[in-house]
Protein backbone atom coordinates (compact mmCIF):
# COMPACT_ATOMS: atom_id res chain seq x y z
CA MET A 1 0.06 0.07 0.03
CA LYS A 2 1.26 3.45 -1.03
CA PHE A 3 0.36 6.71 0.73
CA ALA A 4 -0.91 9.94 -0.71
CA LEU A 5 -1.44 13.44 0.68
CA SER A 6 -4.76 15.26 0.36
CA LEU A 7 -4.12 18.97 0.82
CA ASN A 8 -6.63 21.70 0.80
CA MET A 9 -5.55 25.21 1.43
CA GLU A 10 -7.59 26.65 4.26
CA ARG A 11 -8.12 29.83 6.38
CA LEU A 12 -10.15 29.71 9.60
CA THR A 13 -10.01 33.53 10.28
CA PRO A 14 -9.50 36.63 8.14
CA SER A 15 -6.34 37.49 10.02
CA GLU A 16 -4.35 34.63 8.32
CA ASP A 17 -2.30 35.76 5.45
CA MET A 18 -2.99 33.91 2.31
CA ARG A 19 0.60 33.91 1.25
CA ASP A 20 1.48 31.99 4.41
CA VAL A 21 -1.46 29.44 3.61
CA ILE A 22 0.11 29.02 0.05
CA GLN A 23 3.63 28.36 1.36
CA HIS A 24 2.46 26.05 4.08
CA ALA A 25 0.76 23.87 1.52
CA LEU A 26 3.78 23.66 -0.78
CA THR A 27 5.91 22.80 2.32
CA MET A 28 3.68 19.85 3.10
CA VAL A 29 3.97 18.62 -0.47
CA GLN A 30 7.70 18.78 -0.27
CA ILE A 31 7.82 17.01 2.92
CA ALA A 32 5.51 14.20 1.46
CA GLU A 33 7.83 13.93 -1.55
CA ASP A 34 10.92 13.73 0.65
CA GLY A 35 9.16 11.10 2.56
CA GLY A 36 8.51 8.89 -0.34
CA PHE A 37 4.69 9.54 -0.78
CA HIS A 38 3.19 8.38 -4.15
CA SER A 39 1.21 11.40 -4.65
CA ALA A 40 -0.30 14.72 -3.48
CA TRP A 41 -3.86 15.84 -4.31
CA SER A 42 -5.79 19.00 -4.42
CA ALA A 43 -9.65 19.44 -4.52
CA GLU A 44 -11.73 21.97 -6.31
CA HIS A 45 -13.89 24.19 -4.10
CA HIS A 46 -15.29 27.72 -4.45
CA THR A 47 -16.30 30.56 -2.45
CA ILE A 48 -15.42 29.18 1.05
CA GLU A 49 -12.10 29.79 2.97
CA LEU A 50 -12.27 26.32 4.59
CA THR A 51 -11.26 24.68 1.21
CA ILE A 52 -9.49 27.05 -1.11
CA GLY A 53 -9.09 25.60 -4.59
CA PRO A 54 -10.90 27.49 -7.46
CA ASN A 55 -8.80 25.64 -9.87
CA PRO A 56 -6.91 22.77 -8.56
CA LEU A 57 -4.90 22.27 -11.63
CA SER A 58 -3.40 25.78 -11.07
CA LEU A 59 -2.25 24.70 -7.68
CA LEU A 60 -0.72 21.50 -9.12
CA ILE A 61 1.45 23.63 -11.45
CA HIS A 62 2.62 25.75 -8.63
CA TRP A 63 3.58 22.49 -6.56
CA GLY A 64 5.19 20.88 -9.57
CA GLN A 65 7.70 23.65 -10.02
CA TYR A 66 9.30 22.90 -6.74
CA ALA A 67 8.37 19.22 -6.04
CA LYS A 68 10.05 17.35 -8.93
CA LYS A 69 9.10 13.63 -8.23
CA ILE A 70 5.84 13.16 -6.53
CA ARG A 71 2.83 12.62 -8.58
CA LEU A 72 0.07 15.31 -8.41
CA GLY A 73 -3.55 14.82 -8.76
CA THR A 74 -7.00 16.50 -8.62
CA ALA A 75 -9.34 15.12 -6.03
CA ILE A 76 -11.53 16.09 -7.55
CA LEU A 77 -12.32 18.21 -10.67
CA VAL A 78 -16.03 18.82 -10.35
CA ALA A 79 -17.69 18.01 -13.67
CA PRO A 80 -20.70 20.23 -13.41
CA TYR A 81 -18.54 23.33 -13.23
CA TRP A 82 -16.45 22.59 -16.40
CA HIS A 83 -16.89 22.23 -20.21
CA PRO A 84 -15.35 19.17 -21.60
CA ILE A 85 -13.11 20.90 -24.03
CA ARG A 86 -11.83 23.27 -21.45
CA ALA A 87 -11.15 20.51 -18.80
CA ALA A 88 -9.35 18.46 -21.33
CA GLY A 89 -7.06 21.26 -22.56
CA GLU A 90 -6.29 22.58 -19.09
CA ALA A 91 -5.61 19.11 -17.74
CA ALA A 92 -3.28 18.34 -20.64
CA LEU A 93 -1.43 21.56 -20.22
CA THR A 94 -1.06 20.76 -16.48
CA ASP A 95 0.40 17.42 -17.38
CA LEU A 96 3.00 19.12 -19.61
CA TYR A 97 3.90 21.71 -16.96
CA ILE A 98 4.50 19.05 -14.38
CA ASP A 99 6.49 16.71 -16.68
CA GLY A 100 3.89 14.05 -16.98
CA ARG A 101 3.00 13.52 -13.37
CA LEU A 102 -0.66 14.26 -13.53
CA GLU A 103 -3.28 12.08 -11.87
CA PHE A 104 -6.64 13.16 -13.31
CA GLY A 105 -9.56 12.71 -10.74
CA ILE A 106 -13.06 13.67 -11.68
CA GLY A 107 -16.40 13.40 -9.82
CA ARG A 108 -19.95 14.87 -9.60
CA GLY A 109 -19.14 17.34 -6.70
CA ALA A 110 -20.94 17.38 -3.29
CA PHE A 111 -21.69 20.76 -1.81
CA GLN A 112 -25.08 22.30 -2.70
CA TRP A 113 -23.74 25.69 -1.62
CA GLU A 114 -21.45 25.55 -4.60
CA PHE A 115 -24.06 24.04 -7.10
CA ASP A 116 -26.23 26.97 -6.01
CA ARG A 117 -23.63 29.40 -7.18
CA LEU A 118 -21.83 27.49 -10.00
CA ALA A 119 -24.46 25.25 -11.41
CA GLY A 120 -27.53 27.13 -11.64
CA GLY A 121 -29.00 25.60 -8.42
CA MET A 122 -28.98 22.12 -9.91
CA PRO A 123 -29.33 19.32 -7.05
CA GLN A 124 -25.83 18.12 -6.41
CA GLU A 125 -26.93 14.48 -6.62
CA GLU A 126 -27.72 15.00 -10.34
CA GLY A 127 -23.96 16.01 -10.86
CA GLY A 128 -23.23 12.29 -11.81
CA ALA A 129 -24.84 12.79 -15.21
CA GLN A 130 -22.39 15.50 -16.16
CA MET A 131 -19.41 13.34 -14.92
CA ARG A 132 -20.51 10.33 -16.82
CA GLU A 133 -20.98 12.39 -20.07
CA MET A 134 -17.81 14.44 -19.60
CA LEU A 135 -15.11 11.81 -18.98
CA PRO A 136 -15.65 9.76 -22.17
CA ALA A 137 -15.71 13.14 -24.06
CA ILE A 138 -12.32 14.09 -22.44
CA LEU A 139 -10.65 10.81 -23.22
CA GLU A 140 -11.95 11.20 -26.97
CA LEU A 141 -10.64 14.88 -27.05
CA TRP A 142 -7.15 13.68 -25.79
CA LYS A 143 -7.11 11.29 -28.68
CA GLY A 144 -7.73 13.87 -31.46
CA ASP A 145 -10.61 15.33 -33.29
CA TYR A 146 -14.04 14.37 -31.86
CA THR A 147 -17.61 15.52 -32.42
CA HIS A 148 -19.90 15.53 -29.42
CA ASN A 149 -23.65 15.31 -29.38
CA GLY A 150 -24.68 14.57 -25.75
CA ASP A 151 -27.66 15.23 -23.59
CA ILE A 152 -25.77 17.94 -21.81
CA TRP A 153 -23.08 19.25 -24.12
CA GLN A 154 -22.96 19.60 -27.87
CA PHE A 155 -20.05 20.74 -30.09
CA PRO A 156 -18.73 20.22 -33.54
CA LYS A 157 -15.34 18.70 -34.40
CA ALA A 158 -12.68 19.71 -31.97
CA THR A 159 -9.75 18.32 -30.14
CA SER A 160 -7.57 18.95 -26.88
CA VAL A 161 -5.15 21.48 -27.41
CA PRO A 162 -2.41 20.88 -26.20
CA LYS A 163 -2.35 16.99 -25.79
CA PRO A 164 -1.12 15.50 -22.50
CA LEU A 165 2.48 14.34 -22.10
CA GLN A 166 1.36 10.98 -20.82
CA GLN A 167 0.18 8.68 -23.46
CA PRO A 168 -2.49 7.49 -24.17
CA HIS A 169 -3.41 9.83 -21.48
CA PRO A 170 -2.78 10.61 -17.64
CA PRO A 171 -4.20 8.01 -15.23
CA VAL A 172 -7.89 8.78 -14.69
CA TRP A 173 -9.69 8.34 -11.38
CA VAL A 174 -13.29 8.50 -10.68
CA ALA A 175 -14.74 9.38 -7.29
CA ALA A 176 -17.08 6.52 -6.43
CA ARG A 177 -19.12 5.37 -3.40
CA ASP A 178 -22.22 3.90 -4.94
CA PRO A 179 -22.31 0.69 -6.97
CA ALA A 180 -23.31 2.51 -10.22
CA SER A 181 -20.23 4.61 -9.85
CA PHE A 182 -17.94 1.63 -9.36
CA ASP A 183 -19.26 0.01 -12.43
CA PHE A 184 -18.94 3.19 -14.41
CA SER A 185 -15.23 3.40 -13.48
CA MET A 186 -14.64 -0.21 -14.50
CA LYS A 187 -16.24 0.42 -17.96
CA MET A 188 -14.05 3.51 -18.41
CA GLY A 189 -10.89 1.69 -17.50
CA ALA A 190 -10.55 4.36 -14.64
CA ASP A 191 -9.09 3.86 -11.15
CA ILE A 192 -11.37 4.48 -8.15
CA MET A 193 -11.18 6.86 -5.21
CA SER A 194 -13.46 6.77 -2.27
CA THR A 195 -14.07 8.62 0.88
CA PRO A 196 -16.07 7.14 3.85
CA LEU A 197 -16.25 10.71 5.32
CA SER A 198 -16.87 10.40 9.03
CA ARG A 199 -18.32 6.92 8.96
CA PRO A 200 -16.75 3.85 10.54
CA PHE A 201 -14.37 1.52 9.04
CA SER A 202 -17.27 -0.81 8.09
CA GLU A 203 -18.06 1.75 5.33
CA VAL A 204 -14.63 0.99 3.82
CA GLU A 205 -15.43 -2.69 3.89
CA THR A 206 -18.81 -1.80 2.04
CA TYR A 207 -16.79 -0.15 -0.73
CA ALA A 208 -14.48 -3.15 -0.92
CA GLU A 209 -17.41 -5.32 -1.54
CA ARG A 210 -18.70 -2.99 -4.16
CA LEU A 211 -15.20 -2.99 -6.00
CA ALA A 212 -15.22 -6.71 -5.94
CA THR A 213 -18.63 -6.86 -7.40
CA ALA A 214 -17.68 -4.42 -10.02
CA VAL A 215 -14.74 -6.51 -10.86
CA GLN A 216 -16.76 -9.66 -11.11
CA GLU A 217 -19.35 -8.04 -13.33
CA ASN A 218 -16.73 -6.54 -15.83
CA PRO A 219 -14.84 -9.69 -16.89
CA GLY A 220 -11.68 -9.17 -18.75
CA VAL A 221 -11.21 -5.69 -17.36
CA PRO A 222 -8.26 -5.30 -15.11
CA ARG A 223 -8.85 -4.56 -11.47
CA PRO A 224 -8.50 -0.78 -11.02
CA ARG A 225 -6.37 0.85 -8.36
CA TRP A 226 -8.39 1.85 -5.35
CA CYS A 227 -7.64 4.84 -3.20
CA VAL A 228 -9.35 5.75 -0.08
CA LEU A 229 -9.26 9.21 1.75
CA ARG A 230 -9.27 9.42 5.53
CA ARG A 231 -8.45 12.20 7.91
CA ALA A 232 -5.25 11.44 9.58
CA PHE A 233 -3.25 12.70 12.46
CA VAL A 234 -0.19 11.22 14.32
CA HIS A 235 0.64 12.39 17.81
CA GLU A 236 3.50 11.21 20.01
CA THR A 237 1.64 11.02 23.35
CA GLU A 238 -1.85 10.20 24.52
CA ASP A 239 -2.36 13.64 26.06
CA ARG A 240 -2.74 15.11 22.51
CA ALA A 241 -5.43 12.53 21.60
CA ASP A 242 -8.26 15.00 21.88
CA VAL A 243 -6.47 17.60 19.46
CA PRO A 244 -7.57 15.97 16.06
CA VAL A 245 -10.91 14.72 17.41
CA ASN A 246 -12.03 18.32 18.45
CA ALA A 247 -10.77 19.74 15.20
CA SER A 248 -12.61 17.29 13.35
CA ILE A 249 -15.83 17.82 15.09
CA ASP A 250 -15.53 21.59 14.50
CA TYR A 251 -14.58 21.03 10.76
CA GLY A 252 -17.77 18.90 10.23
CA ARG A 253 -19.86 21.56 11.98
CA ARG A 254 -18.65 24.14 9.61
CA PHE A 255 -19.14 21.86 6.54
CA GLU A 256 -22.84 21.21 7.50
CA ASN A 257 -23.39 24.62 5.82
CA MET A 258 -22.01 23.21 2.50
CA PHE A 259 -24.34 20.34 2.06
CA GLY A 260 -27.70 21.96 2.49
CA THR A 261 -29.14 25.37 1.29
CA GLY A 262 -29.67 27.13 4.46
CA GLY A 263 -26.11 27.44 5.68
CA THR A 264 -24.53 30.61 6.95
CA VAL A 265 -21.33 31.72 5.45
CA ASP A 266 -19.91 35.32 6.12
CA ASN A 267 -17.52 36.54 3.56
CA GLY A 268 -16.26 33.04 2.74
CA PHE A 269 -16.13 31.87 6.40
CA PRO A 270 -18.77 29.13 7.19
CA GLU A 271 -20.15 29.43 10.74
CA LEU A 272 -20.28 26.45 13.38
CA ILE A 273 -23.48 24.66 13.38
CA PRO A 274 -24.70 23.80 16.94
CA LEU A 275 -24.21 20.19 17.63
CA ASP A 276 -27.97 19.94 18.34
CA LYS A 277 -28.59 21.01 14.75
CA VAL A 278 -26.34 18.61 12.87
CA ARG A 279 -27.78 15.96 10.58
CA ASP A 280 -26.25 12.90 12.03
CA GLY A 281 -25.17 13.32 15.66
CA LYS A 282 -23.56 10.03 15.94
CA ASN A 283 -20.86 11.24 13.49
CA TYR A 284 -19.95 13.79 16.04
CA ASP A 285 -19.40 11.48 18.97
CA PRO A 286 -15.74 11.83 20.00
CA ALA A 287 -15.32 8.09 20.55
CA VAL A 288 -16.81 7.37 17.06
CA ILE A 289 -14.46 9.83 15.54
CA ARG A 290 -11.42 8.55 17.39
CA ASP A 291 -12.21 5.06 16.08
CA ALA A 292 -13.10 5.87 12.65
CA MET A 293 -10.32 8.27 11.60
CA ILE A 294 -6.71 7.48 11.26
CA PHE A 295 -5.87 9.27 14.70
CA GLY A 296 -3.47 8.16 17.18
CA THR A 297 0.06 7.36 18.28
CA PRO A 298 2.37 5.83 15.64
CA ASP A 299 1.51 2.22 16.74
CA GLN A 300 -2.17 2.93 16.80
CA VAL A 301 -1.95 4.58 13.39
CA ILE A 302 0.06 1.60 11.90
CA GLU A 303 -2.64 -0.82 13.36
CA LYS A 304 -5.46 1.31 11.68
CA CYS A 305 -3.60 1.45 8.34
CA GLU A 306 -2.99 -2.21 8.28
CA LEU A 307 -6.87 -2.64 8.19
CA TYR A 308 -6.92 -0.65 4.85
CA GLU A 309 -4.21 -2.58 3.27
CA ASP A 310 -5.79 -5.94 4.30
CA VAL A 311 -9.14 -4.87 2.85
CA GLY A 312 -7.35 -4.11 -0.54
CA VAL A 313 -6.69 -0.37 -0.57
CA ASP A 314 -3.78 0.38 -2.92
CA ILE A 315 -3.32 4.09 -2.15
CA LEU A 316 -4.31 5.50 1.28
CA MET A 317 -4.76 9.22 1.03
CA LEU A 318 -4.22 11.05 4.21
CA GLY A 319 -6.56 13.98 4.78
CA VAL A 320 -4.31 16.52 6.75
CA ASN A 321 -6.41 19.62 6.68
CA PHE A 322 -9.29 19.88 8.95
CA GLY A 323 -8.85 22.99 11.02
CA LEU A 324 -5.61 22.03 12.75
CA ASP A 325 -2.71 24.40 13.54
CA PRO A 326 -0.30 24.29 10.60
CA ALA A 327 2.46 23.30 12.87
CA ASP A 328 0.52 20.45 14.16
CA GLU A 329 -0.16 19.40 10.56
CA ARG A 330 3.46 19.38 9.76
CA LYS A 331 4.56 17.59 12.91
CA SER A 332 1.96 14.96 12.11
CA LEU A 333 3.05 14.39 8.63
CA GLU A 334 6.74 14.17 9.82
CA LEU A 335 5.93 11.57 12.50
CA PHE A 336 3.84 9.54 9.96
CA ILE A 337 6.90 9.54 7.65
CA LYS A 338 9.36 8.66 10.39
CA GLU A 339 7.32 6.21 12.50
CA VAL A 340 4.58 4.70 10.31
CA ALA A 341 5.57 4.60 6.71
CA PRO A 342 8.70 2.42 7.23
CA HIS A 343 6.39 -0.28 8.80
CA PHE A 344 4.61 -0.60 5.42
CA ALA A 345 7.81 -0.53 3.43
CA LYS A 346 9.00 -3.41 5.57
CA ARG A 347 5.88 -5.16 5.05
CA GLU A 348 6.01 -4.91 1.26
CA ALA A 349 9.40 -6.12 1.10
CA GLU A 350 8.52 -9.27 3.15
CA LYS A 351 5.63 -9.86 0.84
CA SER A 352 7.77 -9.58 -2.25
CA LYS A 353 10.40 -11.82 -0.78
CA ALA A 354 7.95 -14.45 0.04
CA ALA A 355 6.37 -14.36 -3.50
CA GLN A 356 9.87 -15.06 -5.10
């Protein structure tokens, strides 16, 4: 199992200098690269300071000028906010700028707050139709001239300019949680990324079953790589165990604004929703969060990560931004690299030796 970094630029207060936020994100990517991480990923989000990424491809280009080895991905590009020709061209240009290291992740989007402002108020659950029409079009545009007559977009003969450096195209990832998305990913020859949000590990096991079903129902199609995103925080001693838990709770209370239509956001800063107003109170139980997330001392985190490897996860993406102090984020990542990652490198070496 390889490790990846999910990194959103974020501000919790107007007093934070955006230039410091940009530099911190780059520093985290460089630490991950030096630590042997497979990839670093940026999300697309708009109008909220909690997740700053109006164009994740631009951020990848910035990172790629300083981090020269690590692969860089979009997790995810939100299909309803794009046109296929623009998405194909900008992704291809990014791949060229970062020397053929792009991992292209696409999905339907999640936050109704953004859909109300960028997708004409379309219900976010309908975004899957855009994603399913857009991805095949992008793949064709990367090949060459292509005419598209779909339900959502129509355009005469066109091609992606430029073409991506990686051929036939950069690795493609589809955000999938429901069975239909797993099946679509298989049929597109795409890899799969999933996020169980704040749900317990049993949710990951459910996704593993859906992946197995999709593989079984698509004979002859190679099993895709499977990436799972989970919030992660490593602390040296038990007296810091509440730090990530409390941050995760407050982060979720802010994000409750994003999923509905009645949230309160002041100049880009989402307000905290009272705990008695959240949609699913059990997801805010400190004991549930401590158990579900990859939080703990190095030994505890190793034990949790082993569960993901054993269930078939190929890349475990660590979500490190959820309202923590930047110094804590950096220390946690450094501890993971020093104390956790070597365990899995050794485990992989032992498996390879046994297979010979």
